[in-house]
């Protein structure tokens, strides 16, 4: 979908939207006992990325439909970088990487991550110079109740290290977006939302990202 009339269209995703998996120390530590198992037989050495396709974009204020066969969905509160020319980030925006709950932490299937509308995008971006990325703390609320705080001081790779490690194998294009990672709860799961819930993701200086979850088609 297109940005809402209140959105800063300059920073609406124009290219490919990538997301970083396993970039919070808490989730890394919880998954570490599984990493020696097949098929990977070891911890990832490079950043693990996934893609959110264009059909997933939902502006702040818009409804996100949960498929009728699904009871609830994972909330993935993220800070994202928007890239300009020369593969450099120029802005930051809040996003909600919504997923159908799954156990595949290395290679989440597209059918769980790229359902129509499954990426809430904040209405306003801040210039990269206005944000101390590695000090940002996101607050997640469901129906007005705080359910999670996501502190970017707790990442496995700080933002510039993540960018440098990704740059070893790919180059971002103008308009691309990189989700810097979402943390899990202490039990390894993420906050959940069901039909009728209102999810808010906020951080100092940003407009709050708000999406209501609605019933979807069968």
C-alpha atoms as a PDB file:
ATOM      1  CA  UNK A   1       0.000   0.000   0.000  1.00  0.00           C
ATOM      2  CA  UNK A   2       1.021   3.634  -0.247  1.00  0.00           C
ATOM      3  CA  UNK A   3       2.010   5.845   2.682  1.00  0.00           C
ATOM      4  CA  UNK A   4      -0.832   7.584   4.509  1.00  0.00           C
ATOM      5  CA  UNK A   5      -1.454  11.275   3.956  1.00  0.00           C
ATOM      6  CA  UNK A   6       0.358  11.909   7.245  1.00  0.00           C
ATOM      7  CA  UNK A   7       3.454   9.920   6.269  1.00  0.00           C
ATOM      8  CA  UNK A   8       6.768  11.333   5.133  1.00  0.00           C
ATOM      9  CA  UNK A   9       6.752   9.790   1.679  1.00  0.00           C
ATOM     10  CA  UNK A  10      10.465  10.503   1.190  1.00  0.00           C
ATOM     11  CA  UNK A  11      11.251   7.670   3.557  1.00  0.00           C
ATOM     12  CA  UNK A  12       8.514   5.219   2.577  1.00  0.00           C
ATOM     13  CA  UNK A  13      10.330   2.036   1.442  1.00  0.00           C
ATOM     14  CA  UNK A  14      11.256   2.457  -2.204  1.00  0.00           C
ATOM     15  CA  UNK A  15      13.696  -0.405  -2.524  1.00  0.00           C
ATOM     16  CA  UNK A  16      14.189  -3.733  -0.813  1.00  0.00           C
ATOM     17  CA  UNK A  17      13.408  -4.117   2.881  1.00  0.00           C
ATOM     18  CA  UNK A  18      15.894  -6.350   4.697  1.00  0.00           C
ATOM     19  CA  UNK A  19      15.746  -7.472   8.309  1.00  0.00           C
ATOM     20  CA  UNK A  20      18.478  -8.765  10.619  1.00  0.00           C
ATOM     21  CA  UNK A  21      17.785 -11.950  12.582  1.00  0.00           C
ATOM     22  CA  UNK A  22      19.424 -12.982  15.855  1.00  0.00           C
ATOM     23  CA  UNK A  23      20.846  -9.530  16.494  1.00  0.00           C
ATOM     24  CA  UNK A  24      19.943  -9.318  20.166  1.00  0.00           C
ATOM     25  CA  UNK A  25      22.132 -10.953  22.758  1.00  0.00           C
ATOM     26  CA  UNK A  26      19.201 -12.405  24.701  1.00  0.00           C
ATOM     27  CA  UNK A  27      17.825 -14.323  21.713  1.00  0.00           C
ATOM     28  CA  UNK A  28      21.327 -15.335  20.609  1.00  0.00           C
ATOM     29  CA  UNK A  29      22.006 -16.850  24.037  1.00  0.00           C
ATOM     30  CA  UNK A  30      18.664 -18.688  24.073  1.00  0.00           C
ATOM     31  CA  UNK A  31      19.283 -20.159  20.605  1.00  0.00           C
ATOM     32  CA  UNK A  32      22.977 -20.959  21.149  1.00  0.00           C
ATOM     33  CA  UNK A  33      22.384 -24.564  22.346  1.00  0.00           C
ATOM     34  CA  UNK A  34      20.610 -25.307  19.021  1.00  0.00           C
ATOM     35  CA  UNK A  35      23.265 -23.771  16.781  1.00  0.00           C
ATOM     36  CA  UNK A  36      25.576 -26.840  16.647  1.00  0.00           C
ATOM     37  CA  UNK A  37      22.676 -28.948  15.331  1.00  0.00           C
ATOM     38  CA  UNK A  38      22.048 -29.845  11.659  1.00  0.00           C
ATOM     39  CA  UNK A  39      21.731 -28.442   9.082  1.00  0.00           C
ATOM     40  CA  UNK A  40      23.965 -25.480   9.985  1.00  0.00           C
ATOM     41  CA  UNK A  41      26.147 -27.137  12.649  1.00  0.00           C
ATOM     42  CA  UNK A  42      27.466 -23.915  14.052  1.00  0.00           C
ATOM     43  CA  UNK A  43      26.687 -20.343  14.920  1.00  0.00           C
ATOM     44  CA  UNK A  44      26.244 -17.954  11.977  1.00  0.00           C
ATOM     45  CA  UNK A  45      29.420 -16.037  11.207  1.00  0.00           C
ATOM     46  CA  UNK A  46      27.810 -13.343   9.032  1.00  0.00           C
ATOM     47  CA  UNK A  47      24.619 -11.358   9.643  1.00  0.00           C
ATOM     48  CA  UNK A  48      21.486 -13.419   8.989  1.00  0.00           C
ATOM     49  CA  UNK A  49      19.052 -11.455   6.818  1.00  0.00           C
ATOM     50  CA  UNK A  50      15.493 -11.871   5.612  1.00  0.00           C
ATOM     51  CA  UNK A  51      13.314  -9.795   3.256  1.00  0.00           C
ATOM     52  CA  UNK A  52       9.948  -8.117   3.713  1.00  0.00           C
ATOM     53  CA  UNK A  53       8.218  -7.792   0.351  1.00  0.00           C
ATOM     54  CA  UNK A  54       6.311  -4.694  -0.835  1.00  0.00           C
ATOM     55  CA  UNK A  55       2.907  -6.305  -0.244  1.00  0.00           C
ATOM     56  CA  UNK A  56       3.620  -6.224   3.494  1.00  0.00           C
ATOM     57  CA  UNK A  57       3.799  -2.437   3.935  1.00  0.00           C
ATOM     58  CA  UNK A  58       1.086  -0.889   6.136  1.00  0.00           C
ATOM     59  CA  UNK A  59       1.169   2.780   7.148  1.00  0.00           C
ATOM     60  CA  UNK A  60       0.852   3.819  10.767  1.00  0.00           C
ATOM     61  CA  UNK A  61      -2.848   4.079  11.590  1.00  0.00           C
ATOM     62  CA  UNK A  62      -3.736   1.313   9.155  1.00  0.00           C
ATOM     63  CA  UNK A  63      -5.235  -2.053  10.001  1.00  0.00           C
ATOM     64  CA  UNK A  64      -3.211  -5.251   9.718  1.00  0.00           C
ATOM     65  CA  UNK A  65      -5.296  -8.298   8.844  1.00  0.00           C
ATOM     66  CA  UNK A  66      -4.606 -11.581  10.636  1.00  0.00           C
ATOM     67  CA  UNK A  67      -5.434 -14.599   8.446  1.00  0.00           C
ATOM     68  CA  UNK A  68      -8.496 -16.435   9.720  1.00  0.00           C
ATOM     69  CA  UNK A  69      -6.542 -19.656  10.303  1.00  0.00           C
ATOM     70  CA  UNK A  70      -4.113 -17.912  12.681  1.00  0.00           C
ATOM     71  CA  UNK A  71      -4.950 -17.209  16.342  1.00  0.00           C
ATOM     72  CA  UNK A  72      -2.352 -14.495  16.898  1.00  0.00           C
ATOM     73  CA  UNK A  73       0.848 -13.053  15.442  1.00  0.00           C
ATOM     74  CA  UNK A  74       4.299 -12.050  16.668  1.00  0.00           C
ATOM     75  CA  UNK A  75       5.082  -8.367  17.155  1.00  0.00           C
ATOM     76  CA  UNK A  76       8.599  -7.490  15.983  1.00  0.00           C
ATOM     77  CA  UNK A  77       9.384  -3.959  17.144  1.00  0.00           C
ATOM     78  CA  UNK A  78      12.271  -2.628  15.084  1.00  0.00           C
ATOM     79  CA  UNK A  79      14.284   0.479  14.430  1.00  0.00           C
ATOM     80  CA  UNK A  80      15.035   0.645  10.713  1.00  0.00           C
ATOM     81  CA  UNK A  81      17.560   2.543   8.629  1.00  0.00           C
ATOM     82  CA  UNK A  82      16.538   4.042   5.285  1.00  0.00           C
ATOM     83  CA  UNK A  83      19.390   4.230   2.769  1.00  0.00           C
ATOM     84  CA  UNK A  84      20.297   7.077   0.473  1.00  0.00           C
ATOM     85  CA  UNK A  85      22.937   7.306  -2.188  1.00  0.00           C
ATOM     86  CA  UNK A  86      26.382   5.797  -1.620  1.00  0.00           C
ATOM     87  CA  UNK A  87      24.909   2.968   0.489  1.00  0.00           C
ATOM     88  CA  UNK A  88      24.715   5.235   3.526  1.00  0.00           C
ATOM     89  CA  UNK A  89      21.756   5.436   5.930  1.00  0.00           C
ATOM     90  CA  UNK A  90      20.011   8.801   5.818  1.00  0.00           C
ATOM     91  CA  UNK A  91      17.025   8.319   8.128  1.00  0.00           C
ATOM     92  CA  UNK A  92      15.527   6.145  10.852  1.00  0.00           C
ATOM     93  CA  UNK A  93      11.946   4.951  11.105  1.00  0.00           C
ATOM     94  CA  UNK A  94       9.989   2.688  13.473  1.00  0.00           C
ATOM     95  CA  UNK A  95       8.555  -0.504  12.014  1.00  0.00           C
ATOM     96  CA  UNK A  96       6.615  -3.525  13.221  1.00  0.00           C
ATOM     97  CA  UNK A  97       7.871  -6.737  11.610  1.00  0.00           C
ATOM     98  CA  UNK A  98       4.753  -8.884  12.048  1.00  0.00           C
ATOM     99  CA  UNK A  99       5.111 -12.652  11.660  1.00  0.00           C
ATOM    100  CA  UNK A 100       3.060 -15.779  12.039  1.00  0.00           C
ATOM    101  CA  UNK A 101       4.698 -17.559  15.021  1.00  0.00           C
ATOM    102  CA  UNK A 102       7.268 -20.130  13.866  1.00  0.00           C
ATOM    103  CA  UNK A 103      10.342 -21.981  15.112  1.00  0.00           C
ATOM    104  CA  UNK A 104      12.681 -21.409  12.158  1.00  0.00           C
ATOM    105  CA  UNK A 105      15.095 -18.816  13.483  1.00  0.00           C
ATOM    106  CA  UNK A 106      17.640 -19.004  10.611  1.00  0.00           C
ATOM    107  CA  UNK A 107      15.425 -19.155   7.554  1.00  0.00           C
ATOM    108  CA  UNK A 108      11.856 -18.092   8.357  1.00  0.00           C
ATOM    109  CA  UNK A 109       9.590 -19.136   5.475  1.00  0.00           C
ATOM    110  CA  UNK A 110       8.170 -16.340   3.340  1.00  0.00           C
ATOM    111  CA  UNK A 111       4.653 -17.560   4.120  1.00  0.00           C
ATOM    112  CA  UNK A 112       5.190 -16.588   7.768  1.00  0.00           C
ATOM    113  CA  UNK A 113       6.959 -13.234   7.205  1.00  0.00           C
ATOM    114  CA  UNK A 114       5.506 -11.792   4.000  1.00  0.00           C
ATOM    115  CA  UNK A 115       1.749 -11.981   4.474  1.00  0.00           C
ATOM    116  CA  UNK A 116      -0.112  -8.964   3.038  1.00  0.00           C
ATOM    117  CA  UNK A 117       0.183  -6.003   5.397  1.00  0.00           C
ATOM    118  CA  UNK A 118       2.701  -7.611   7.783  1.00  0.00           C
ATOM    119  CA  UNK A 119       5.053  -4.613   8.089  1.00  0.00           C
ATOM    120  CA  UNK A 120       3.793  -1.581   9.991  1.00  0.00           C
ATOM    121  CA  UNK A 121       5.769   1.521   8.947  1.00  0.00           C
ATOM    122  CA  UNK A 122       6.030   4.688  11.029  1.00  0.00           C
ATOM    123  CA  UNK A 123       4.560   7.884   9.620  1.00  0.00           C
ATOM    124  CA  UNK A 124       7.615  10.060  10.214  1.00  0.00           C
ATOM    125  CA  UNK A 125      11.324   9.395   9.911  1.00  0.00           C
ATOM    126  CA  UNK A 126      14.145  11.160  11.700  1.00  0.00           C
ATOM    127  CA  UNK A 127      17.382  12.132  10.022  1.00  0.00           C
ATOM    128  CA  UNK A 128      20.230   9.777  10.809  1.00  0.00           C
ATOM    129  CA  UNK A 129      22.131  12.559  12.599  1.00  0.00           C
ATOM    130  CA  UNK A 130      19.197  13.045  14.986  1.00  0.00           C
ATOM    131  CA  UNK A 131      19.297   9.495  16.317  1.00  0.00           C
ATOM    132  CA  UNK A 132      21.851   7.716  18.499  1.00  0.00           C
ATOM    133  CA  UNK A 133      20.912   4.374  17.024  1.00  0.00           C
ATOM    134  CA  UNK A 134      22.654   2.145  19.535  1.00  0.00           C
ATOM    135  CA  UNK A 135      21.005   3.953  22.448  1.00  0.00           C
ATOM    136  CA  UNK A 136      17.416   3.842  21.186  1.00  0.00           C
ATOM    137  CA  UNK A 137      14.878   2.126  23.432  1.00  0.00           C
ATOM    138  CA  UNK A 138      11.572   1.031  21.899  1.00  0.00           C
ATOM    139  CA  UNK A 139       8.456   0.617  24.028  1.00  0.00           C
ATOM    140  CA  UNK A 140       5.795  -1.846  22.867  1.00  0.00           C
ATOM    141  CA  UNK A 141       2.216  -1.570  24.123  1.00  0.00           C
ATOM    142  CA  UNK A 142      -0.789  -3.775  23.389  1.00  0.00           C
ATOM    143  CA  UNK A 143      -4.137  -2.119  24.138  1.00  0.00           C
ATOM    144  CA  UNK A 144      -2.323   0.519  26.177  1.00  0.00           C
ATOM    145  CA  UNK A 145      -0.383  -1.950  28.364  1.00  0.00           C
ATOM    146  CA  UNK A 146       3.399  -2.087  28.084  1.00  0.00           C
ATOM    147  CA  UNK A 147       4.536  -5.586  27.090  1.00  0.00           C
ATOM    148  CA  UNK A 148       8.170  -5.088  26.051  1.00  0.00           C
ATOM    149  CA  UNK A 149      11.127  -2.730  25.907  1.00  0.00           C
ATOM    150  CA  UNK A 150      13.714  -3.192  23.183  1.00  0.00           C
ATOM    151  CA  UNK A 151      17.089  -1.613  23.965  1.00  0.00           C
ATOM    152  CA  UNK A 152      19.541  -1.317  21.059  1.00  0.00           C
ATOM    153  CA  UNK A 153      22.416  -1.276  23.537  1.00  0.00           C
ATOM    154  CA  UNK A 154      21.765  -5.036  23.829  1.00  0.00           C
ATOM    155  CA  UNK A 155      22.488  -6.016  20.224  1.00  0.00           C
ATOM    156  CA  UNK A 156      25.034  -8.621  19.123  1.00  0.00           C
ATOM    157  CA  UNK A 157      26.275  -6.279  16.392  1.00  0.00           C
ATOM    158  CA  UNK A 158      26.043  -2.554  16.982  1.00  0.00           C
ATOM    159  CA  UNK A 159      24.592  -0.685  14.029  1.00  0.00           C
ATOM    160  CA  UNK A 160      27.837   0.333  12.314  1.00  0.00           C
ATOM    161  CA  UNK A 161      29.327  -3.131  12.806  1.00  0.00           C
ATOM    162  CA  UNK A 162      26.180  -4.678  11.330  1.00  0.00           C
ATOM    163  CA  UNK A 163      26.421  -2.351   8.338  1.00  0.00           C
ATOM    164  CA  UNK A 164      30.121  -3.102   7.838  1.00  0.00           C
ATOM    165  CA  UNK A 165      29.582  -6.868   8.045  1.00  0.00           C
ATOM    166  CA  UNK A 166      26.704  -6.748   5.536  1.00  0.00           C
ATOM    167  CA  UNK A 167      28.816  -4.582   3.225  1.00  0.00           C
ATOM    168  CA  UNK A 168      31.249  -7.471   2.902  1.00  0.00           C
ATOM    169  CA  UNK A 169      28.754  -9.325   0.701  1.00  0.00           C
ATOM    170  CA  UNK A 170      26.181  -6.788  -0.612  1.00  0.00           C
ATOM    171  CA  UNK A 171      25.643  -3.074  -1.290  1.00  0.00           C
ATOM    172  CA  UNK A 172      22.516  -1.218  -0.264  1.00  0.00           C
ATOM    173  CA  UNK A 173      20.748   0.824  -2.941  1.00  0.00           C
ATOM    174  CA  UNK A 174      18.997   4.157  -2.500  1.00  0.00           C
ATOM    175  CA  UNK A 175      15.562   3.525  -1.000  1.00  0.00           C
ATOM    176  CA  UNK A 176      16.492   0.225   0.637  1.00  0.00           C
ATOM    177  CA  UNK A 177      15.590  -0.294   4.295  1.00  0.00           C
ATOM    178  CA  UNK A 178      17.390  -2.346   6.940  1.00  0.00           C
ATOM    179  CA  UNK A 179      15.566  -3.523  10.068  1.00  0.00           C
ATOM    180  CA  UNK A 180      18.219  -3.569  12.782  1.00  0.00           C
ATOM    181  CA  UNK A 181      16.627  -6.406  14.712  1.00  0.00           C
ATOM    182  CA  UNK A 182      13.848  -7.202  17.142  1.00  0.00           C
ATOM    183  CA  UNK A 183      14.366  -8.742  20.557  1.00  0.00           C
ATOM    184  CA  UNK A 184      12.427 -11.597  22.105  1.00  0.00           C
ATOM    185  CA  UNK A 185      10.959 -11.895  25.567  1.00  0.00           C
ATOM    186  CA  UNK A 186      12.841 -13.834  28.276  1.00  0.00           C
ATOM    187  CA  UNK A 187      11.017 -17.045  27.252  1.00  0.00           C
ATOM    188  CA  UNK A 188      12.231 -16.737  23.653  1.00  0.00           C
ATOM    189  CA  UNK A 189       8.847 -15.732  22.266  1.00  0.00           C
ATOM    190  CA  UNK A 190       7.742 -12.324  21.046  1.00  0.00           C
ATOM    191  CA  UNK A 191       4.762 -10.300  22.213  1.00  0.00           C
ATOM    192  CA  UNK A 192       1.594 -11.427  20.477  1.00  0.00           C
ATOM    193  CA  UNK A 193      -1.362  -9.601  18.970  1.00  0.00           C
ATOM    194  CA  UNK A 194      -4.776 -10.962  18.094  1.00  0.00           C
ATOM    195  CA  UNK A 195      -7.786  -9.583  16.234  1.00  0.00           C
ATOM    196  CA  UNK A 196      -9.000  -6.387  17.898  1.00  0.00           C
ATOM    197  CA  UNK A 197      -5.685  -5.499  19.536  1.00  0.00           C
ATOM    198  CA  UNK A 198      -4.091  -2.077  19.097  1.00  0.00           C
ATOM    199  CA  UNK A 199      -0.284  -2.203  19.032  1.00  0.00           C
ATOM    200  CA  UNK A 200       1.838   0.884  19.672  1.00  0.00           C
ATOM    201  CA  UNK A 201       5.604   1.120  19.188  1.00  0.00           C
ATOM    202  CA  UNK A 202       7.264   4.288  20.441  1.00  0.00           C
ATOM    203  CA  UNK A 203      10.681   5.809  21.102  1.00  0.00           C
ATOM    204  CA  UNK A 204      11.880   9.224  22.183  1.00  0.00           C
ATOM    205  CA  UNK A 205      11.659  11.723  19.337  1.00  0.00           C
ATOM    206  CA  UNK A 206       9.604   9.502  17.020  1.00  0.00           C
ATOM    207  CA  UNK A 207       5.911   9.611  16.250  1.00  0.00           C
ATOM    208  CA  UNK A 208       4.313   6.499  17.741  1.00  0.00           C
ATOM    209  CA  UNK A 209       3.661   3.708  15.249  1.00  0.00           C
ATOM    210  CA  UNK A 210       0.094   2.485  15.742  1.00  0.00           C
ATOM    211  CA  UNK A 211      -1.639  -0.407  14.027  1.00  0.00           C
ATOM    212  CA  UNK A 212      -4.905  -2.165  14.789  1.00  0.00           C
ATOM    213  CA  UNK A 213      -5.151  -5.880  14.078  1.00  0.00           C
ATOM    214  CA  UNK A 214      -8.280  -6.935  12.251  1.00  0.00           C
ATOM    215  CA  UNK A 215      -9.786 -10.148  10.987  1.00  0.00           C
ATOM    216  CA  UNK A 216      -8.596 -11.358   7.603  1.00  0.00           C
ATOM    217  CA  UNK A 217      -9.948 -13.451   4.808  1.00  0.00           C
ATOM    218  CA  UNK A 218     -10.214 -17.223   5.112  1.00  0.00           C
END
